[in-house]
N, C-alpha and C. Protein backbone atom coordinates (compact mmCIF):
# COMPACT_ATOMS: atom_id res chain seq x y z
N MET A 1 13.95 15.39 -17.63
CA MET A 1 14.22 15.24 -16.21
C MET A 1 12.92 14.91 -15.48
N ARG A 2 12.97 13.95 -14.60
CA ARG A 2 11.79 13.52 -13.87
C ARG A 2 11.49 14.47 -12.72
N GLN A 3 10.22 14.71 -12.49
CA GLN A 3 9.77 15.57 -11.40
C GLN A 3 9.84 14.79 -10.09
N PRO A 4 10.02 15.47 -8.95
CA PRO A 4 10.07 14.79 -7.65
C PRO A 4 8.83 13.95 -7.37
N GLU A 5 7.64 14.42 -7.82
CA GLU A 5 6.41 13.67 -7.60
C GLU A 5 6.46 12.31 -8.31
N GLU A 6 7.06 12.28 -9.51
CA GLU A 6 7.18 11.03 -10.24
C GLU A 6 8.11 10.07 -9.52
N LYS A 7 9.19 10.58 -8.94
CA LYS A 7 10.11 9.73 -8.20
C LYS A 7 9.42 9.15 -6.97
N LEU A 8 8.61 9.97 -6.27
CA LEU A 8 7.88 9.47 -5.10
C LEU A 8 6.87 8.41 -5.51
N ALA A 9 6.21 8.61 -6.66
CA ALA A 9 5.26 7.61 -7.13
C ALA A 9 5.97 6.29 -7.42
N ASP A 10 7.16 6.37 -8.03
CA ASP A 10 7.93 5.15 -8.26
C ASP A 10 8.28 4.49 -6.94
N THR A 11 8.65 5.28 -5.96
CA THR A 11 8.98 4.73 -4.66
C THR A 11 7.76 4.08 -4.03
N ALA A 12 6.58 4.68 -4.19
CA ALA A 12 5.34 4.09 -3.67
C ALA A 12 5.08 2.75 -4.37
N THR A 13 5.29 2.70 -5.67
CA THR A 13 5.13 1.45 -6.41
C THR A 13 6.12 0.41 -5.90
N ASP A 14 7.35 0.81 -5.69
CA ASP A 14 8.35 -0.11 -5.14
C ASP A 14 7.94 -0.61 -3.76
N LEU A 15 7.39 0.28 -2.94
CA LEU A 15 6.97 -0.11 -1.60
C LEU A 15 5.88 -1.19 -1.67
N VAL A 16 4.94 -1.03 -2.58
CA VAL A 16 3.90 -2.04 -2.76
C VAL A 16 4.52 -3.36 -3.22
N ARG A 17 5.48 -3.28 -4.12
CA ARG A 17 6.15 -4.50 -4.60
C ARG A 17 6.90 -5.21 -3.46
N PHE A 18 7.50 -4.44 -2.57
CA PHE A 18 8.16 -5.04 -1.40
C PHE A 18 7.15 -5.74 -0.50
N CYS A 19 5.97 -5.14 -0.35
CA CYS A 19 4.90 -5.76 0.45
C CYS A 19 4.46 -7.09 -0.17
N VAL A 20 4.29 -7.08 -1.48
CA VAL A 20 3.89 -8.30 -2.19
C VAL A 20 4.96 -9.37 -2.03
N ALA A 21 6.22 -9.00 -2.19
CA ALA A 21 7.32 -9.97 -2.06
C ALA A 21 7.36 -10.54 -0.64
N ALA A 22 7.17 -9.69 0.36
CA ALA A 22 7.17 -10.18 1.74
C ALA A 22 6.01 -11.13 1.98
N HIS A 23 4.85 -10.80 1.42
CA HIS A 23 3.68 -11.68 1.59
C HIS A 23 3.92 -13.03 0.92
N ARG A 24 4.48 -13.00 -0.28
CA ARG A 24 4.77 -14.26 -1.00
C ARG A 24 5.80 -15.10 -0.26
N ALA A 25 6.65 -14.43 0.53
CA ALA A 25 7.66 -15.15 1.32
C ALA A 25 7.08 -15.66 2.64
N GLY A 26 5.78 -15.38 2.88
CA GLY A 26 5.13 -15.93 4.06
C GLY A 26 4.77 -14.95 5.16
N ALA A 27 5.06 -13.67 4.98
CA ALA A 27 4.74 -12.67 6.01
C ALA A 27 3.25 -12.34 5.99
N ASP A 28 2.67 -12.20 7.17
CA ASP A 28 1.27 -11.78 7.26
C ASP A 28 1.22 -10.25 7.31
N PHE A 29 0.00 -9.68 7.26
CA PHE A 29 -0.10 -8.22 7.22
C PHE A 29 0.51 -7.54 8.45
N PRO A 30 0.24 -8.04 9.68
CA PRO A 30 0.88 -7.36 10.82
C PRO A 30 2.41 -7.30 10.73
N THR A 31 3.02 -8.36 10.22
CA THR A 31 4.47 -8.37 10.06
C THR A 31 4.90 -7.36 9.00
N ILE A 32 4.17 -7.32 7.88
CA ILE A 32 4.48 -6.36 6.82
C ILE A 32 4.31 -4.93 7.33
N TRP A 33 3.26 -4.69 8.11
CA TRP A 33 3.05 -3.36 8.68
C TRP A 33 4.23 -2.96 9.56
N HIS A 34 4.62 -3.82 10.47
CA HIS A 34 5.67 -3.47 11.43
C HIS A 34 7.07 -3.41 10.82
N THR A 35 7.34 -4.25 9.82
CA THR A 35 8.70 -4.30 9.29
C THR A 35 8.93 -3.41 8.07
N LEU A 36 7.89 -3.23 7.23
CA LEU A 36 8.08 -2.46 6.00
C LEU A 36 7.38 -1.11 5.98
N LEU A 37 6.18 -1.07 6.50
CA LEU A 37 5.36 0.12 6.30
C LEU A 37 5.42 1.14 7.43
N LYS A 38 5.32 0.70 8.65
CA LYS A 38 5.15 1.60 9.80
C LYS A 38 6.21 2.70 9.86
N GLY A 39 7.44 2.38 9.65
CA GLY A 39 8.51 3.38 9.75
C GLY A 39 8.94 3.98 8.43
N HIS A 40 8.28 3.62 7.34
CA HIS A 40 8.69 4.12 6.02
C HIS A 40 8.32 5.60 5.88
N PRO A 41 9.24 6.41 5.32
CA PRO A 41 8.99 7.86 5.21
C PRO A 41 7.79 8.23 4.33
N LEU A 42 7.35 7.35 3.45
CA LEU A 42 6.17 7.65 2.62
C LEU A 42 4.86 7.44 3.34
N VAL A 43 4.86 6.64 4.40
CA VAL A 43 3.63 6.30 5.10
C VAL A 43 3.20 7.47 5.98
N ALA A 44 1.94 7.91 5.77
CA ALA A 44 1.43 9.10 6.45
C ALA A 44 0.52 8.80 7.62
N GLY A 45 0.22 7.55 7.86
CA GLY A 45 -0.69 7.23 8.96
C GLY A 45 -0.87 5.74 9.13
N ILE A 46 -1.72 5.41 10.09
CA ILE A 46 -1.98 4.01 10.40
C ILE A 46 -2.99 3.41 9.42
N PRO A 47 -3.04 2.08 9.33
CA PRO A 47 -4.03 1.45 8.46
C PRO A 47 -5.45 1.81 8.90
N ILE A 48 -6.29 2.08 7.93
CA ILE A 48 -7.69 2.41 8.18
C ILE A 48 -8.54 1.31 7.57
N GLN A 49 -9.42 0.71 8.39
CA GLN A 49 -10.28 -0.34 7.87
C GLN A 49 -11.43 0.29 7.12
N ARG A 50 -11.75 -0.28 5.96
CA ARG A 50 -12.83 0.23 5.12
C ARG A 50 -13.63 -0.95 4.60
N LEU A 51 -14.92 -0.76 4.47
CA LEU A 51 -15.79 -1.79 3.89
C LEU A 51 -16.28 -1.29 2.55
N ASP A 52 -16.25 -2.18 1.57
CA ASP A 52 -16.77 -1.90 0.24
C ASP A 52 -17.75 -3.03 -0.05
N GLY A 53 -19.01 -2.81 0.25
CA GLY A 53 -19.99 -3.89 0.16
C GLY A 53 -19.67 -4.92 1.23
N ALA A 54 -19.43 -6.14 0.81
CA ALA A 54 -19.08 -7.21 1.75
C ALA A 54 -17.57 -7.36 1.91
N ARG A 55 -16.80 -6.58 1.15
CA ARG A 55 -15.34 -6.69 1.19
C ARG A 55 -14.76 -5.79 2.26
N SER A 56 -13.87 -6.35 3.06
CA SER A 56 -13.15 -5.58 4.07
C SER A 56 -11.74 -5.35 3.56
N MET A 57 -11.23 -4.14 3.77
CA MET A 57 -9.87 -3.84 3.33
C MET A 57 -9.21 -2.87 4.29
N LEU A 58 -7.90 -2.81 4.21
CA LEU A 58 -7.11 -1.87 4.99
C LEU A 58 -6.46 -0.89 4.02
N GLU A 59 -6.54 0.40 4.34
CA GLU A 59 -5.90 1.42 3.52
C GLU A 59 -4.84 2.13 4.34
N ILE A 60 -3.65 2.24 3.76
CA ILE A 60 -2.55 2.93 4.41
C ILE A 60 -2.29 4.20 3.60
N PRO A 61 -2.50 5.38 4.21
CA PRO A 61 -2.28 6.63 3.48
C PRO A 61 -0.78 6.92 3.31
N LEU A 62 -0.45 7.48 2.15
CA LEU A 62 0.93 7.86 1.85
C LEU A 62 1.01 9.38 1.68
N ILE A 63 2.18 9.94 1.91
CA ILE A 63 2.36 11.39 1.79
C ILE A 63 2.19 11.88 0.36
N THR A 64 2.21 10.99 -0.61
CA THR A 64 2.05 11.35 -2.01
C THR A 64 0.59 11.57 -2.39
N GLY A 65 -0.33 11.23 -1.47
CA GLY A 65 -1.75 11.26 -1.80
C GLY A 65 -2.26 9.90 -2.22
N HIS A 66 -1.34 8.99 -2.51
CA HIS A 66 -1.70 7.60 -2.83
C HIS A 66 -2.10 6.87 -1.55
N ARG A 67 -2.67 5.71 -1.73
CA ARG A 67 -2.95 4.80 -0.62
C ARG A 67 -2.53 3.40 -1.04
N ILE A 68 -2.00 2.65 -0.09
CA ILE A 68 -1.80 1.23 -0.31
C ILE A 68 -3.01 0.55 0.30
N THR A 69 -3.71 -0.22 -0.51
CA THR A 69 -4.89 -0.94 -0.04
C THR A 69 -4.55 -2.42 0.02
N TYR A 70 -4.85 -3.02 1.15
CA TYR A 70 -4.65 -4.46 1.32
C TYR A 70 -6.01 -5.11 1.49
N GLU A 71 -6.31 -6.08 0.64
CA GLU A 71 -7.55 -6.83 0.72
C GLU A 71 -7.23 -8.24 1.21
N PRO A 72 -7.55 -8.53 2.48
CA PRO A 72 -7.19 -9.84 3.04
C PRO A 72 -7.82 -11.01 2.30
N ASP A 73 -9.08 -10.86 1.85
CA ASP A 73 -9.75 -11.97 1.17
C ASP A 73 -9.11 -12.27 -0.18
N ALA A 74 -8.70 -11.24 -0.89
CA ALA A 74 -8.07 -11.43 -2.19
C ALA A 74 -6.56 -11.58 -2.06
N VAL A 75 -6.03 -11.32 -0.86
CA VAL A 75 -4.58 -11.30 -0.60
C VAL A 75 -3.90 -10.47 -1.69
N GLU A 76 -4.32 -9.20 -1.74
CA GLU A 76 -3.87 -8.32 -2.81
C GLU A 76 -3.51 -6.96 -2.25
N PHE A 77 -2.41 -6.41 -2.73
CA PHE A 77 -2.00 -5.05 -2.42
C PHE A 77 -2.26 -4.20 -3.66
N THR A 78 -2.86 -3.01 -3.46
CA THR A 78 -3.18 -2.13 -4.57
C THR A 78 -2.69 -0.73 -4.23
N LEU A 79 -2.12 -0.06 -5.20
CA LEU A 79 -1.72 1.33 -5.04
C LEU A 79 -2.77 2.18 -5.72
N THR A 80 -3.40 3.09 -4.96
CA THR A 80 -4.46 3.92 -5.51
C THR A 80 -4.14 5.39 -5.30
N ALA A 81 -4.70 6.21 -6.17
CA ALA A 81 -4.62 7.67 -6.04
C ALA A 81 -6.02 8.20 -6.18
N GLY A 82 -6.48 8.96 -5.22
CA GLY A 82 -7.86 9.45 -5.28
C GLY A 82 -8.81 8.29 -5.24
N SER A 83 -9.75 8.26 -6.17
CA SER A 83 -10.73 7.16 -6.19
C SER A 83 -10.43 6.15 -7.29
N ALA A 84 -9.36 6.37 -8.06
CA ALA A 84 -9.04 5.46 -9.16
C ALA A 84 -7.94 4.49 -8.76
N THR A 85 -8.07 3.26 -9.21
CA THR A 85 -7.04 2.28 -8.95
C THR A 85 -5.92 2.43 -9.97
N ASN A 86 -4.69 2.52 -9.50
CA ASN A 86 -3.54 2.67 -10.39
C ASN A 86 -2.89 1.33 -10.71
N SER A 87 -2.53 0.59 -9.69
CA SER A 87 -1.75 -0.62 -9.91
C SER A 87 -2.18 -1.71 -8.95
N ARG A 88 -2.36 -2.89 -9.47
CA ARG A 88 -2.64 -4.07 -8.63
C ARG A 88 -1.43 -4.98 -8.70
N PHE A 89 -1.13 -5.58 -7.53
CA PHE A 89 0.04 -6.46 -7.45
C PHE A 89 -0.38 -7.79 -6.88
């Protein structure tokens, strides 16, 4: 039997996949934020801008402890937990 935390992690992965699909269909980040992320029950806060060297990214905190990271330059959504990268899409 799967634990509730595992189900939430799957849902977080699905949420990232929906973001990727929306982006591939032509949606920009503000549209993805307003239509998919902002009202989603897993989303715990607003996007936070972060710099990693010369790279700028947005991190969206989730109630699972994961974060969805969006890198505009790479046009990439990443699901992370703590400081380790889990999944790139």
